[in-house]
């Protein structure tokens, strides 16, 4: 977290030196950061939640206990949120502190910013519970590993499409933001970025933090209302629709069974291990590799790392680096913007 704070602080200080363009780029940074946090949080929630909601070891015990399904649903939702809320803590908190320090804000800003992050946490947690319940209901007849893989793949594909269209800045975007004639005392750059992220559910939270830190007036009456309505609506949807889907899917998943294939006797004797590698070190390496291959959580992490690699690589092709190749400072600022904006 200290390293993230240092990177965010240095990036925001560099953007502040660009004056009007830096004001727009700091909003771009917040919009992109919240979008990436939402992506990480929802993918982590669904990948972990499909196991905790339906396949946890104590599920059968809790079903036999005098605990209503609604209470079990709330318990699983809170448990999964506690395990998967790390992106907001280790990324959002350093960004909030760096933003306040870069613009010399007082304690009131941090208090309001903490409230904004809390509302965002409620929104991500409730949305994650709803998506997990929907995925469990839709894939209740499928093996759990397959369900996790399908749900994570669909989420990553959806986010890749959305991030590719809105988060990764194109050459035209850089011209719009850096063109002096457009940014000469006019808020057109702020409006341009707001229009770009207008349909993202993260926009009200990013606009609120930016307006509080810089006084830019980012956001509108609708986004300020959405700051409260989105978490409330997500909670209501999770408590009604999500709980109903959970009630329908949990019995079918918990009572599922597999028929063993007959006809052959079990082989006598234990199988040798390791099968591929040799020696004590080979056994340790093969054990860890098998654990990674068989874990849906590790597959989801690997898929997300691949997504981030594609995100960073694509920037090299869309940013106008060739046109400023003779100016190292401009190249450094463009690459710094990529690292900061992409989280």
C-alpha atoms as a PDB file:
ATOM      1  CA  UNK A   1       0.000   0.000   0.000  1.00  0.00           C
ATOM      2  CA  UNK A   2       2.886   2.355   0.719  1.00  0.00           C
ATOM      3  CA  UNK A   3       4.330   1.673  -2.730  1.00  0.00           C
ATOM      4  CA  UNK A   4       0.952   2.276  -4.356  1.00  0.00           C
ATOM      5  CA  UNK A   5       0.587   5.541  -2.475  1.00  0.00           C
ATOM      6  CA  UNK A   6       4.037   6.642  -3.661  1.00  0.00           C
ATOM      7  CA  UNK A   7       3.215   5.811  -7.288  1.00  0.00           C
ATOM      8  CA  UNK A   8      -0.194   7.491  -7.130  1.00  0.00           C
ATOM      9  CA  UNK A   9       1.232  10.575  -5.421  1.00  0.00           C
ATOM     10  CA  UNK A  10       4.009  10.934  -7.963  1.00  0.00           C
ATOM     11  CA  UNK A  11       1.605  10.467 -10.845  1.00  0.00           C
ATOM     12  CA  UNK A  12      -0.896  13.005  -9.493  1.00  0.00           C
ATOM     13  CA  UNK A  13       1.890  15.513  -8.840  1.00  0.00           C
ATOM     14  CA  UNK A  14       3.049  15.077 -12.442  1.00  0.00           C
ATOM     15  CA  UNK A  15      -0.498  15.605 -13.696  1.00  0.00           C
ATOM     16  CA  UNK A  16      -0.874  18.724 -11.550  1.00  0.00           C
ATOM     17  CA  UNK A  17       2.036  20.253 -13.466  1.00  0.00           C
ATOM     18  CA  UNK A  18      -0.007  20.080 -16.670  1.00  0.00           C
ATOM     19  CA  UNK A  19      -2.528  22.607 -15.283  1.00  0.00           C
ATOM     20  CA  UNK A  20      -5.817  22.394 -17.208  1.00  0.00           C
ATOM     21  CA  UNK A  21      -4.856  19.187 -18.974  1.00  0.00           C
ATOM     22  CA  UNK A  22      -3.755  17.742 -15.647  1.00  0.00           C
ATOM     23  CA  UNK A  23      -7.148  18.539 -14.148  1.00  0.00           C
ATOM     24  CA  UNK A  24      -8.826  16.483 -16.860  1.00  0.00           C
ATOM     25  CA  UNK A  25      -6.259  13.699 -16.616  1.00  0.00           C
ATOM     26  CA  UNK A  26      -6.726  13.403 -12.857  1.00  0.00           C
ATOM     27  CA  UNK A  27     -10.433  12.821 -13.502  1.00  0.00           C
ATOM     28  CA  UNK A  28      -9.469  10.248 -16.142  1.00  0.00           C
ATOM     29  CA  UNK A  29      -7.254   8.597 -13.553  1.00  0.00           C
ATOM     30  CA  UNK A  30     -10.076   8.331 -11.008  1.00  0.00           C
ATOM     31  CA  UNK A  31     -12.602   7.087 -13.563  1.00  0.00           C
ATOM     32  CA  UNK A  32     -10.200   4.404 -14.799  1.00  0.00           C
ATOM     33  CA  UNK A  33      -9.148   3.431 -11.294  1.00  0.00           C
ATOM     34  CA  UNK A  34     -12.710   2.911 -10.086  1.00  0.00           C
ATOM     35  CA  UNK A  35     -13.524   0.922 -13.228  1.00  0.00           C
ATOM     36  CA  UNK A  36     -10.573  -1.424 -12.668  1.00  0.00           C
ATOM     37  CA  UNK A  37     -11.391  -1.784  -8.947  1.00  0.00           C
ATOM     38  CA  UNK A  38     -14.952  -2.734  -9.874  1.00  0.00           C
ATOM     39  CA  UNK A  39     -13.657  -5.306 -12.352  1.00  0.00           C
ATOM     40  CA  UNK A  40     -11.293  -6.911  -9.836  1.00  0.00           C
ATOM     41  CA  UNK A  41     -13.880  -6.897  -7.048  1.00  0.00           C
ATOM     42  CA  UNK A  42     -16.688  -8.462  -9.086  1.00  0.00           C
ATOM     43  CA  UNK A  43     -14.502 -11.137 -10.680  1.00  0.00           C
ATOM     44  CA  UNK A  44     -13.044 -12.043  -7.282  1.00  0.00           C
ATOM     45  CA  UNK A  45     -16.495 -12.053  -5.684  1.00  0.00           C
ATOM     46  CA  UNK A  46     -18.079 -14.344  -8.271  1.00  0.00           C
ATOM     47  CA  UNK A  47     -15.088 -16.717  -8.431  1.00  0.00           C
ATOM     48  CA  UNK A  48     -15.018 -17.090  -4.649  1.00  0.00           C
ATOM     49  CA  UNK A  49     -18.754 -16.738  -4.077  1.00  0.00           C
ATOM     50  CA  UNK A  50     -19.791 -19.650  -6.268  1.00  0.00           C
ATOM     51  CA  UNK A  51     -17.807 -21.873  -3.912  1.00  0.00           C
ATOM     52  CA  UNK A  52     -18.745 -20.216  -0.637  1.00  0.00           C
ATOM     53  CA  UNK A  53     -22.435 -19.773  -1.473  1.00  0.00           C
ATOM     54  CA  UNK A  54     -23.031 -23.351  -2.588  1.00  0.00           C
ATOM     55  CA  UNK A  55     -20.042 -25.634  -1.932  1.00  0.00           C
ATOM     56  CA  UNK A  56     -18.644 -24.597   1.443  1.00  0.00           C
ATOM     57  CA  UNK A  57     -18.005 -27.508   3.785  1.00  0.00           C
ATOM     58  CA  UNK A  58     -20.498 -26.319   6.393  1.00  0.00           C
ATOM     59  CA  UNK A  59     -23.352 -25.752   3.921  1.00  0.00           C
ATOM     60  CA  UNK A  60     -25.097 -29.053   4.685  1.00  0.00           C
ATOM     61  CA  UNK A  61     -24.719 -28.451   8.419  1.00  0.00           C
ATOM     62  CA  UNK A  62     -26.213 -24.961   8.145  1.00  0.00           C
ATOM     63  CA  UNK A  63     -29.062 -26.271   5.994  1.00  0.00           C
ATOM     64  CA  UNK A  64     -29.915 -28.747   8.751  1.00  0.00           C
ATOM     65  CA  UNK A  65     -29.719 -26.013  11.408  1.00  0.00           C
ATOM     66  CA  UNK A  66     -32.692 -23.758  12.254  1.00  0.00           C
ATOM     67  CA  UNK A  67     -31.314 -21.008  10.026  1.00  0.00           C
ATOM     68  CA  UNK A  68     -33.531 -19.623   7.244  1.00  0.00           C
ATOM     69  CA  UNK A  69     -32.137 -19.531   3.733  1.00  0.00           C
ATOM     70  CA  UNK A  70     -32.337 -15.764   3.790  1.00  0.00           C
ATOM     71  CA  UNK A  71     -30.043 -15.685   6.809  1.00  0.00           C
ATOM     72  CA  UNK A  72     -27.648 -18.135   5.168  1.00  0.00           C
ATOM     73  CA  UNK A  73     -27.632 -15.976   2.038  1.00  0.00           C
ATOM     74  CA  UNK A  74     -26.764 -12.860   4.062  1.00  0.00           C
ATOM     75  CA  UNK A  75     -24.046 -14.780   5.910  1.00  0.00           C
ATOM     76  CA  UNK A  76     -22.450 -16.011   2.687  1.00  0.00           C
ATOM     77  CA  UNK A  77     -22.688 -12.564   1.094  1.00  0.00           C
ATOM     78  CA  UNK A  78     -20.920 -10.892   4.025  1.00  0.00           C
ATOM     79  CA  UNK A  79     -18.316 -13.653   4.223  1.00  0.00           C
ATOM     80  CA  UNK A  80     -17.523 -13.410   0.520  1.00  0.00           C
ATOM     81  CA  UNK A  81     -17.383  -9.620   0.670  1.00  0.00           C
ATOM     82  CA  UNK A  82     -14.907  -9.780   3.558  1.00  0.00           C
ATOM     83  CA  UNK A  83     -12.670 -12.079   1.506  1.00  0.00           C
ATOM     84  CA  UNK A  84     -12.874 -10.149  -1.780  1.00  0.00           C
ATOM     85  CA  UNK A  85     -13.006  -6.479  -0.749  1.00  0.00           C
ATOM     86  CA  UNK A  86      -9.215  -6.221  -0.821  1.00  0.00           C
ATOM     87  CA  UNK A  87      -9.065  -4.211  -4.110  1.00  0.00           C
ATOM     88  CA  UNK A  88     -10.878  -1.289  -2.524  1.00  0.00           C
ATOM     89  CA  UNK A  89      -8.688  -1.418   0.568  1.00  0.00           C
ATOM     90  CA  UNK A  90      -5.260  -1.780  -0.998  1.00  0.00           C
ATOM     91  CA  UNK A  91      -5.932   0.332  -4.123  1.00  0.00           C
ATOM     92  CA  UNK A  92      -8.743   2.744  -3.259  1.00  0.00           C
ATOM     93  CA  UNK A  93      -7.423   3.868   0.126  1.00  0.00           C
ATOM     94  CA  UNK A  94      -3.911   4.814  -1.125  1.00  0.00           C
ATOM     95  CA  UNK A  95      -5.470   6.621  -4.090  1.00  0.00           C
ATOM     96  CA  UNK A  96      -7.725   8.633  -1.762  1.00  0.00           C
ATOM     97  CA  UNK A  97      -4.810   9.663   0.461  1.00  0.00           C
ATOM     98  CA  UNK A  98      -2.607  10.518  -2.534  1.00  0.00           C
ATOM     99  CA  UNK A  99      -5.377  12.599  -4.100  1.00  0.00           C
ATOM    100  CA  UNK A 100      -5.910  14.571  -0.909  1.00  0.00           C
ATOM    101  CA  UNK A 101      -2.204  15.159  -0.339  1.00  0.00           C
ATOM    102  CA  UNK A 102      -1.622  16.200  -3.958  1.00  0.00           C
ATOM    103  CA  UNK A 103      -4.279  18.915  -3.628  1.00  0.00           C
ATOM    104  CA  UNK A 104      -3.568  19.901   0.013  1.00  0.00           C
ATOM    105  CA  UNK A 105      -6.958  18.876   1.353  1.00  0.00           C
ATOM    106  CA  UNK A 106      -7.963  18.896   5.012  1.00  0.00           C
ATOM    107  CA  UNK A 107      -9.600  16.247   7.183  1.00  0.00           C
ATOM    108  CA  UNK A 108     -13.083  17.061   5.847  1.00  0.00           C
ATOM    109  CA  UNK A 109     -12.091  15.778   2.405  1.00  0.00           C
ATOM    110  CA  UNK A 110     -10.830  12.474   3.795  1.00  0.00           C
ATOM    111  CA  UNK A 111     -14.015  12.050   5.816  1.00  0.00           C
ATOM    112  CA  UNK A 112     -16.197  12.688   2.760  1.00  0.00           C
ATOM    113  CA  UNK A 113     -13.920  10.546   0.589  1.00  0.00           C
ATOM    114  CA  UNK A 114     -14.108   7.695   3.074  1.00  0.00           C
ATOM    115  CA  UNK A 115     -17.902   7.904   2.916  1.00  0.00           C
ATOM    116  CA  UNK A 116     -17.741   7.765  -0.886  1.00  0.00           C
ATOM    117  CA  UNK A 117     -15.539   4.665  -0.759  1.00  0.00           C
ATOM    118  CA  UNK A 118     -17.927   3.087   1.770  1.00  0.00           C
ATOM    119  CA  UNK A 119     -20.866   3.658  -0.596  1.00  0.00           C
ATOM    120  CA  UNK A 120     -18.822   2.156  -3.417  1.00  0.00           C
ATOM    121  CA  UNK A 121     -18.035  -0.864  -1.233  1.00  0.00           C
ATOM    122  CA  UNK A 122     -21.749  -1.371  -0.559  1.00  0.00           C
ATOM    123  CA  UNK A 123     -22.464  -1.174  -4.285  1.00  0.00           C
ATOM    124  CA  UNK A 124     -19.753  -3.678  -5.252  1.00  0.00           C
ATOM    125  CA  UNK A 125     -20.694  -6.107  -2.478  1.00  0.00           C
ATOM    126  CA  UNK A 126     -24.404  -6.082  -3.297  1.00  0.00           C
ATOM    127  CA  UNK A 127     -23.747  -6.330  -7.042  1.00  0.00           C
ATOM    128  CA  UNK A 128     -21.352  -9.227  -6.472  1.00  0.00           C
ATOM    129  CA  UNK A 129     -23.941 -11.089  -4.386  1.00  0.00           C
ATOM    130  CA  UNK A 130     -26.569 -10.568  -7.094  1.00  0.00           C
ATOM    131  CA  UNK A 131     -24.254 -11.756  -9.884  1.00  0.00           C
ATOM    132  CA  UNK A 132     -23.177 -14.790  -7.856  1.00  0.00           C
ATOM    133  CA  UNK A 133     -26.783 -15.773  -7.196  1.00  0.00           C
ATOM    134  CA  UNK A 134     -27.665 -15.319 -10.867  1.00  0.00           C
ATOM    135  CA  UNK A 135     -24.671 -17.395 -11.994  1.00  0.00           C
ATOM    136  CA  UNK A 136     -25.504 -20.128  -9.477  1.00  0.00           C
ATOM    137  CA  UNK A 137     -29.127 -20.277 -10.613  1.00  0.00           C
ATOM    138  CA  UNK A 138     -28.226 -20.316 -14.308  1.00  0.00           C
ATOM    139  CA  UNK A 139     -25.501 -22.961 -13.919  1.00  0.00           C
ATOM    140  CA  UNK A 140     -26.920 -25.009 -11.052  1.00  0.00           C
ATOM    141  CA  UNK A 141     -26.806 -28.226 -13.103  1.00  0.00           C
ATOM    142  CA  UNK A 142     -23.183 -27.723 -14.147  1.00  0.00           C
ATOM    143  CA  UNK A 143     -20.119 -28.803 -12.145  1.00  0.00           C
ATOM    144  CA  UNK A 144     -18.954 -26.053  -9.842  1.00  0.00           C
ATOM    145  CA  UNK A 145     -15.557 -25.649 -11.489  1.00  0.00           C
ATOM    146  CA  UNK A 146     -17.225 -25.311 -14.877  1.00  0.00           C
ATOM    147  CA  UNK A 147     -19.696 -22.794 -13.466  1.00  0.00           C
ATOM    148  CA  UNK A 148     -16.869 -20.706 -11.999  1.00  0.00           C
ATOM    149  CA  UNK A 149     -14.940 -20.820 -15.265  1.00  0.00           C
ATOM    150  CA  UNK A 150     -17.939 -19.836 -17.382  1.00  0.00           C
ATOM    151  CA  UNK A 151     -18.984 -17.008 -15.052  1.00  0.00           C
ATOM    152  CA  UNK A 152     -15.464 -15.579 -14.797  1.00  0.00           C
ATOM    153  CA  UNK A 153     -14.914 -15.848 -18.564  1.00  0.00           C
ATOM    154  CA  UNK A 154     -18.168 -14.020 -19.299  1.00  0.00           C
ATOM    155  CA  UNK A 155     -17.357 -11.263 -16.809  1.00  0.00           C
ATOM    156  CA  UNK A 156     -13.853 -10.817 -18.205  1.00  0.00           C
ATOM    157  CA  UNK A 157     -15.148 -10.698 -21.780  1.00  0.00           C
ATOM    158  CA  UNK A 158     -17.762  -8.116 -20.842  1.00  0.00           C
ATOM    159  CA  UNK A 159     -15.283  -5.969 -18.959  1.00  0.00           C
ATOM    160  CA  UNK A 160     -12.653  -6.323 -21.685  1.00  0.00           C
ATOM    161  CA  UNK A 161     -15.126  -4.940 -24.201  1.00  0.00           C
ATOM    162  CA  UNK A 162     -16.161  -2.092 -21.907  1.00  0.00           C
ATOM    163  CA  UNK A 163     -12.625  -1.232 -20.802  1.00  0.00           C
ATOM    164  CA  UNK A 164     -11.339  -1.385 -24.357  1.00  0.00           C
ATOM    165  CA  UNK A 165     -13.931   1.147 -25.459  1.00  0.00           C
ATOM    166  CA  UNK A 166     -13.806   3.545 -22.518  1.00  0.00           C
ATOM    167  CA  UNK A 167     -10.719   3.151 -20.329  1.00  0.00           C
ATOM    168  CA  UNK A 168      -7.853   2.753 -22.810  1.00  0.00           C
ATOM    169  CA  UNK A 169      -7.171   6.239 -24.217  1.00  0.00           C
ATOM    170  CA  UNK A 170      -6.884   6.500 -27.986  1.00  0.00           C
ATOM    171  CA  UNK A 171      -4.900   8.946 -30.075  1.00  0.00           C
ATOM    172  CA  UNK A 172      -7.989  11.094 -30.591  1.00  0.00           C
ATOM    173  CA  UNK A 173      -8.547  11.178 -26.833  1.00  0.00           C
ATOM    174  CA  UNK A 174      -5.048  12.506 -26.223  1.00  0.00           C
ATOM    175  CA  UNK A 175      -5.538  15.196 -28.833  1.00  0.00           C
ATOM    176  CA  UNK A 176      -8.840  16.205 -27.237  1.00  0.00           C
ATOM    177  CA  UNK A 177      -7.348  16.384 -23.748  1.00  0.00           C
ATOM    178  CA  UNK A 178      -4.027  18.043 -24.624  1.00  0.00           C
ATOM    179  CA  UNK A 179      -5.148  20.394 -27.404  1.00  0.00           C
ATOM    180  CA  UNK A 180      -4.651  23.943 -26.011  1.00  0.00           C
ATOM    181  CA  UNK A 181      -7.438  25.396 -28.128  1.00  0.00           C
ATOM    182  CA  UNK A 182      -9.943  23.052 -26.497  1.00  0.00           C
ATOM    183  CA  UNK A 183      -8.581  23.375 -22.964  1.00  0.00           C
ATOM    184  CA  UNK A 184      -8.041  27.146 -23.044  1.00  0.00           C
ATOM    185  CA  UNK A 185     -10.059  27.980 -19.950  1.00  0.00           C
ATOM    186  CA  UNK A 186     -13.036  25.838 -20.968  1.00  0.00           C
ATOM    187  CA  UNK A 187     -14.385  22.796 -19.127  1.00  0.00           C
ATOM    188  CA  UNK A 188     -14.781  20.861 -22.370  1.00  0.00           C
ATOM    189  CA  UNK A 189     -12.128  18.332 -21.354  1.00  0.00           C
ATOM    190  CA  UNK A 190     -14.000  17.528 -18.138  1.00  0.00           C
ATOM    191  CA  UNK A 191     -17.245  17.191 -20.080  1.00  0.00           C
ATOM    192  CA  UNK A 192     -15.522  14.952 -22.615  1.00  0.00           C
ATOM    193  CA  UNK A 193     -14.315  12.543 -19.922  1.00  0.00           C
ATOM    194  CA  UNK A 194     -17.666  12.629 -18.130  1.00  0.00           C
ATOM    195  CA  UNK A 195     -19.451  11.747 -21.363  1.00  0.00           C
ATOM    196  CA  UNK A 196     -16.993   8.909 -21.932  1.00  0.00           C
ATOM    197  CA  UNK A 197     -17.759   7.330 -18.540  1.00  0.00           C
ATOM    198  CA  UNK A 198     -21.366   8.484 -18.188  1.00  0.00           C
ATOM    199  CA  UNK A 199     -22.847   4.972 -18.352  1.00  0.00           C
ATOM    200  CA  UNK A 200     -20.322   3.396 -15.997  1.00  0.00           C
ATOM    201  CA  UNK A 201     -21.766   2.788 -12.523  1.00  0.00           C
ATOM    202  CA  UNK A 202     -18.436   3.959 -11.119  1.00  0.00           C
ATOM    203  CA  UNK A 203     -18.763   7.472 -12.568  1.00  0.00           C
ATOM    204  CA  UNK A 204     -20.681   9.071  -9.649  1.00  0.00           C
ATOM    205  CA  UNK A 205     -18.035   7.929  -7.157  1.00  0.00           C
ATOM    206  CA  UNK A 206     -15.084   9.128  -9.251  1.00  0.00           C
ATOM    207  CA  UNK A 207     -16.756  12.465  -9.998  1.00  0.00           C
ATOM    208  CA  UNK A 208     -17.529  13.036  -6.312  1.00  0.00           C
ATOM    209  CA  UNK A 209     -13.914  12.449  -5.276  1.00  0.00           C
ATOM    210  CA  UNK A 210     -12.551  14.623  -8.085  1.00  0.00           C
ATOM    211  CA  UNK A 211     -14.899  17.500  -7.331  1.00  0.00           C
ATOM    212  CA  UNK A 212     -14.091  17.314  -3.631  1.00  0.00           C
ATOM    213  CA  UNK A 213     -10.329  17.297  -4.210  1.00  0.00           C
ATOM    214  CA  UNK A 214      -9.939  19.775  -7.072  1.00  0.00           C
ATOM    215  CA  UNK A 215     -13.122  21.864  -7.004  1.00  0.00           C
ATOM    216  CA  UNK A 216     -13.592  21.108 -10.693  1.00  0.00           C
ATOM    217  CA  UNK A 217     -17.356  20.787 -10.463  1.00  0.00           C
ATOM    218  CA  UNK A 218     -17.209  17.337 -12.026  1.00  0.00           C
ATOM    219  CA  UNK A 219     -20.500  15.514 -11.995  1.00  0.00           C
ATOM    220  CA  UNK A 220     -24.069  16.746 -12.143  1.00  0.00           C
ATOM    221  CA  UNK A 221     -27.244  16.536 -10.118  1.00  0.00           C
ATOM    222  CA  UNK A 222     -27.982  13.128 -11.626  1.00  0.00           C
ATOM    223  CA  UNK A 223     -24.571  11.708 -10.693  1.00  0.00           C
ATOM    224  CA  UNK A 224     -24.816  13.101  -7.171  1.00  0.00           C
ATOM    225  CA  UNK A 225     -28.183  11.407  -6.771  1.00  0.00           C
ATOM    226  CA  UNK A 226     -26.807   8.184  -8.269  1.00  0.00           C
ATOM    227  CA  UNK A 227     -24.069   8.240  -5.633  1.00  0.00           C
ATOM    228  CA  UNK A 228     -26.744   7.223  -3.106  1.00  0.00           C
ATOM    229  CA  UNK A 229     -29.274   5.500  -5.342  1.00  0.00           C
ATOM    230  CA  UNK A 230     -26.862   2.973  -6.866  1.00  0.00           C
ATOM    231  CA  UNK A 231     -25.819   1.370  -3.535  1.00  0.00           C
ATOM    232  CA  UNK A 232     -29.417   1.437  -2.314  1.00  0.00           C
ATOM    233  CA  UNK A 233     -30.739  -0.114  -5.525  1.00  0.00           C
ATOM    234  CA  UNK A 234     -28.029  -2.783  -5.502  1.00  0.00           C
ATOM    235  CA  UNK A 235     -28.880  -3.679  -1.896  1.00  0.00           C
ATOM    236  CA  UNK A 236     -32.591  -3.949  -2.686  1.00  0.00           C
ATOM    237  CA  UNK A 237     -31.921  -6.082  -5.781  1.00  0.00           C
ATOM    238  CA  UNK A 238     -29.564  -8.381  -3.875  1.00  0.00           C
ATOM    239  CA  UNK A 239     -31.989  -8.731  -0.952  1.00  0.00           C
ATOM    240  CA  UNK A 240     -34.970  -9.567  -3.177  1.00  0.00           C
ATOM    241  CA  UNK A 241     -33.953 -10.953  -6.560  1.00  0.00           C
ATOM    242  CA  UNK A 242     -30.605 -12.335  -5.398  1.00  0.00           C
ATOM    243  CA  UNK A 243     -32.110 -14.057  -2.369  1.00  0.00           C
ATOM    244  CA  UNK A 244     -34.867 -15.577  -4.514  1.00  0.00           C
ATOM    245  CA  UNK A 245     -32.335 -16.976  -6.980  1.00  0.00           C
ATOM    246  CA  UNK A 246     -30.288 -18.357  -4.099  1.00  0.00           C
ATOM    247  CA  UNK A 247     -33.351 -20.090  -2.614  1.00  0.00           C
ATOM    248  CA  UNK A 248     -34.008 -21.797  -5.930  1.00  0.00           C
ATOM    249  CA  UNK A 249     -30.431 -22.850  -6.722  1.00  0.00           C
ATOM    250  CA  UNK A 250     -29.048 -23.928  -3.332  1.00  0.00           C
ATOM    251  CA  UNK A 251     -31.185 -27.076  -2.796  1.00  0.00           C
ATOM    252  CA  UNK A 252     -30.453 -28.355  -6.305  1.00  0.00           C
ATOM    253  CA  UNK A 253     -26.708 -27.808  -5.915  1.00  0.00           C
ATOM    254  CA  UNK A 254     -26.456 -29.056  -2.326  1.00  0.00           C
ATOM    255  CA  UNK A 255     -28.413 -32.241  -3.072  1.00  0.00           C
ATOM    256  CA  UNK A 256     -26.604 -33.085  -6.297  1.00  0.00           C
ATOM    257  CA  UNK A 257     -24.719 -36.366  -6.427  1.00  0.00           C
ATOM    258  CA  UNK A 258     -22.526 -38.296  -8.830  1.00  0.00           C
ATOM    259  CA  UNK A 259     -22.950 -41.974  -9.735  1.00  0.00           C
ATOM    260  CA  UNK A 260     -19.694 -43.878  -9.565  1.00  0.00           C
ATOM    261  CA  UNK A 261     -18.739 -45.826 -12.665  1.00  0.00           C
ATOM    262  CA  UNK A 262     -18.883 -49.564 -12.001  1.00  0.00           C
ATOM    263  CA  UNK A 263     -17.538 -52.617 -13.727  1.00  0.00           C
ATOM    264  CA  UNK A 264     -13.943 -52.459 -12.581  1.00  0.00           C
ATOM    265  CA  UNK A 265     -12.322 -53.133  -9.294  1.00  0.00           C
ATOM    266  CA  UNK A 266     -10.217 -50.413  -7.775  1.00  0.00           C
ATOM    267  CA  UNK A 267      -6.497 -50.905  -8.441  1.00  0.00           C
ATOM    268  CA  UNK A 268      -4.558 -52.364  -5.577  1.00  0.00           C
ATOM    269  CA  UNK A 269      -1.842 -50.207  -4.098  1.00  0.00           C
ATOM    270  CA  UNK A 270      -1.260 -46.490  -4.035  1.00  0.00           C
ATOM    271  CA  UNK A 271      -0.208 -44.591  -7.125  1.00  0.00           C
ATOM    272  CA  UNK A 272       3.331 -43.295  -7.137  1.00  0.00           C
ATOM    273  CA  UNK A 273       3.896 -39.598  -6.616  1.00  0.00           C
ATOM    274  CA  UNK A 274       5.319 -37.526  -8.147  1.00  0.00           C
ATOM    275  CA  UNK A 275       4.290 -38.882 -11.528  1.00  0.00           C
ATOM    276  CA  UNK A 276       6.140 -36.423 -13.791  1.00  0.00           C
ATOM    277  CA  UNK A 277       9.024 -35.039 -11.755  1.00  0.00           C
ATOM    278  CA  UNK A 278      11.560 -36.810  -9.605  1.00  0.00           C
ATOM    279  CA  UNK A 279      12.842 -36.438  -6.078  1.00  0.00           C
ATOM    280  CA  UNK A 280      11.628 -34.527  -3.050  1.00  0.00           C
ATOM    281  CA  UNK A 281      11.882 -31.172  -4.830  1.00  0.00           C
ATOM    282  CA  UNK A 282       9.971 -32.547  -7.794  1.00  0.00           C
ATOM    283  CA  UNK A 283       7.206 -33.751  -5.483  1.00  0.00           C
ATOM    284  CA  UNK A 284       6.849 -30.274  -3.978  1.00  0.00           C
ATOM    285  CA  UNK A 285       6.813 -28.578  -7.383  1.00  0.00           C
ATOM    286  CA  UNK A 286       4.320 -31.047  -8.861  1.00  0.00           C
ATOM    287  CA  UNK A 287       2.068 -30.753  -5.812  1.00  0.00           C
ATOM    288  CA  UNK A 288       1.964 -26.961  -6.105  1.00  0.00           C
ATOM    289  CA  UNK A 289       1.368 -27.093  -9.864  1.00  0.00           C
ATOM    290  CA  UNK A 290      -1.522 -29.516  -9.433  1.00  0.00           C
ATOM    291  CA  UNK A 291      -3.020 -27.319  -6.720  1.00  0.00           C
ATOM    292  CA  UNK A 292      -2.870 -24.308  -9.043  1.00  0.00           C
ATOM    293  CA  UNK A 293      -4.323 -26.177 -12.023  1.00  0.00           C
ATOM    294  CA  UNK A 294      -7.207 -27.576  -9.965  1.00  0.00           C
ATOM    295  CA  UNK A 295      -8.065 -24.280  -8.254  1.00  0.00           C
ATOM    296  CA  UNK A 296     -10.661 -22.052  -9.953  1.00  0.00           C
ATOM    297  CA  UNK A 297      -9.376 -19.134  -7.890  1.00  0.00           C
ATOM    298  CA  UNK A 298      -5.920 -19.477  -9.430  1.00  0.00           C
ATOM    299  CA  UNK A 299      -7.438 -19.709 -12.908  1.00  0.00           C
ATOM    300  CA  UNK A 300      -9.411 -16.525 -12.303  1.00  0.00           C
ATOM    301  CA  UNK A 301      -6.272 -14.746 -11.096  1.00  0.00           C
ATOM    302  CA  UNK A 302      -4.325 -15.953 -14.126  1.00  0.00           C
ATOM    303  CA  UNK A 303      -7.094 -14.806 -16.456  1.00  0.00           C
ATOM    304  CA  UNK A 304      -7.154 -11.396 -14.818  1.00  0.00           C
ATOM    305  CA  UNK A 305      -3.368 -11.033 -15.065  1.00  0.00           C
ATOM    306  CA  UNK A 306      -3.647 -11.905 -18.744  1.00  0.00           C
ATOM    307  CA  UNK A 307      -6.333  -9.257 -19.117  1.00  0.00           C
ATOM    308  CA  UNK A 308      -4.089  -6.626 -17.486  1.00  0.00           C
ATOM    309  CA  UNK A 309      -1.201  -7.650 -19.738  1.00  0.00           C
ATOM    310  CA  UNK A 310      -3.408  -7.150 -22.797  1.00  0.00           C
ATOM    311  CA  UNK A 311      -4.580  -3.812 -21.387  1.00  0.00           C
ATOM    312  CA  UNK A 312      -1.053  -2.483 -20.926  1.00  0.00           C
ATOM    313  CA  UNK A 313       0.125  -3.852 -24.263  1.00  0.00           C
ATOM    314  CA  UNK A 314      -2.767  -2.314 -26.160  1.00  0.00           C
ATOM    315  CA  UNK A 315      -1.789   1.106 -24.866  1.00  0.00           C
ATOM    316  CA  UNK A 316       1.465   0.926 -26.819  1.00  0.00           C
ATOM    317  CA  UNK A 317      -0.530   0.631 -30.056  1.00  0.00           C
ATOM    318  CA  UNK A 318      -3.169   3.303 -29.398  1.00  0.00           C
ATOM    319  CA  UNK A 319      -1.108   6.025 -27.692  1.00  0.00           C
ATOM    320  CA  UNK A 320       0.612   8.530 -30.042  1.00  0.00           C
ATOM    321  CA  UNK A 321       4.098   7.586 -28.834  1.00  0.00           C
ATOM    322  CA  UNK A 322       5.623   7.798 -32.298  1.00  0.00           C
ATOM    323  CA  UNK A 323       4.642  11.429 -32.710  1.00  0.00           C
ATOM    324  CA  UNK A 324       6.417  12.451 -29.503  1.00  0.00           C
ATOM    325  CA  UNK A 325       9.324  10.014 -29.696  1.00  0.00           C
ATOM    326  CA  UNK A 326      11.822  12.897 -29.850  1.00  0.00           C
ATOM    327  CA  UNK A 327      10.548  14.260 -26.517  1.00  0.00           C
ATOM    328  CA  UNK A 328      11.418  11.819 -23.708  1.00  0.00           C
ATOM    329  CA  UNK A 329       9.449  13.802 -21.137  1.00  0.00           C
ATOM    330  CA  UNK A 330       6.260  13.490 -23.201  1.00  0.00           C
ATOM    331  CA  UNK A 331       6.780   9.750 -23.670  1.00  0.00           C
ATOM    332  CA  UNK A 332       7.363   9.322 -19.944  1.00  0.00           C
ATOM    333  CA  UNK A 333       4.182  11.220 -19.115  1.00  0.00           C
ATOM    334  CA  UNK A 334       2.107   9.174 -21.538  1.00  0.00           C
ATOM    335  CA  UNK A 335       3.423   5.905 -20.129  1.00  0.00           C
ATOM    336  CA  UNK A 336       2.941   7.156 -16.569  1.00  0.00           C
ATOM    337  CA  UNK A 337      -0.653   8.008 -17.434  1.00  0.00           C
ATOM    338  CA  UNK A 338      -1.126   4.455 -18.700  1.00  0.00           C
ATOM    339  CA  UNK A 339       0.242   2.891 -15.516  1.00  0.00           C
ATOM    340  CA  UNK A 340      -1.702   5.204 -13.217  1.00  0.00           C
ATOM    341  CA  UNK A 341      -4.969   5.135 -15.159  1.00  0.00           C
ATOM    342  CA  UNK A 342      -4.898   1.365 -15.584  1.00  0.00           C
ATOM    343  CA  UNK A 343      -4.340   0.779 -11.887  1.00  0.00           C
END
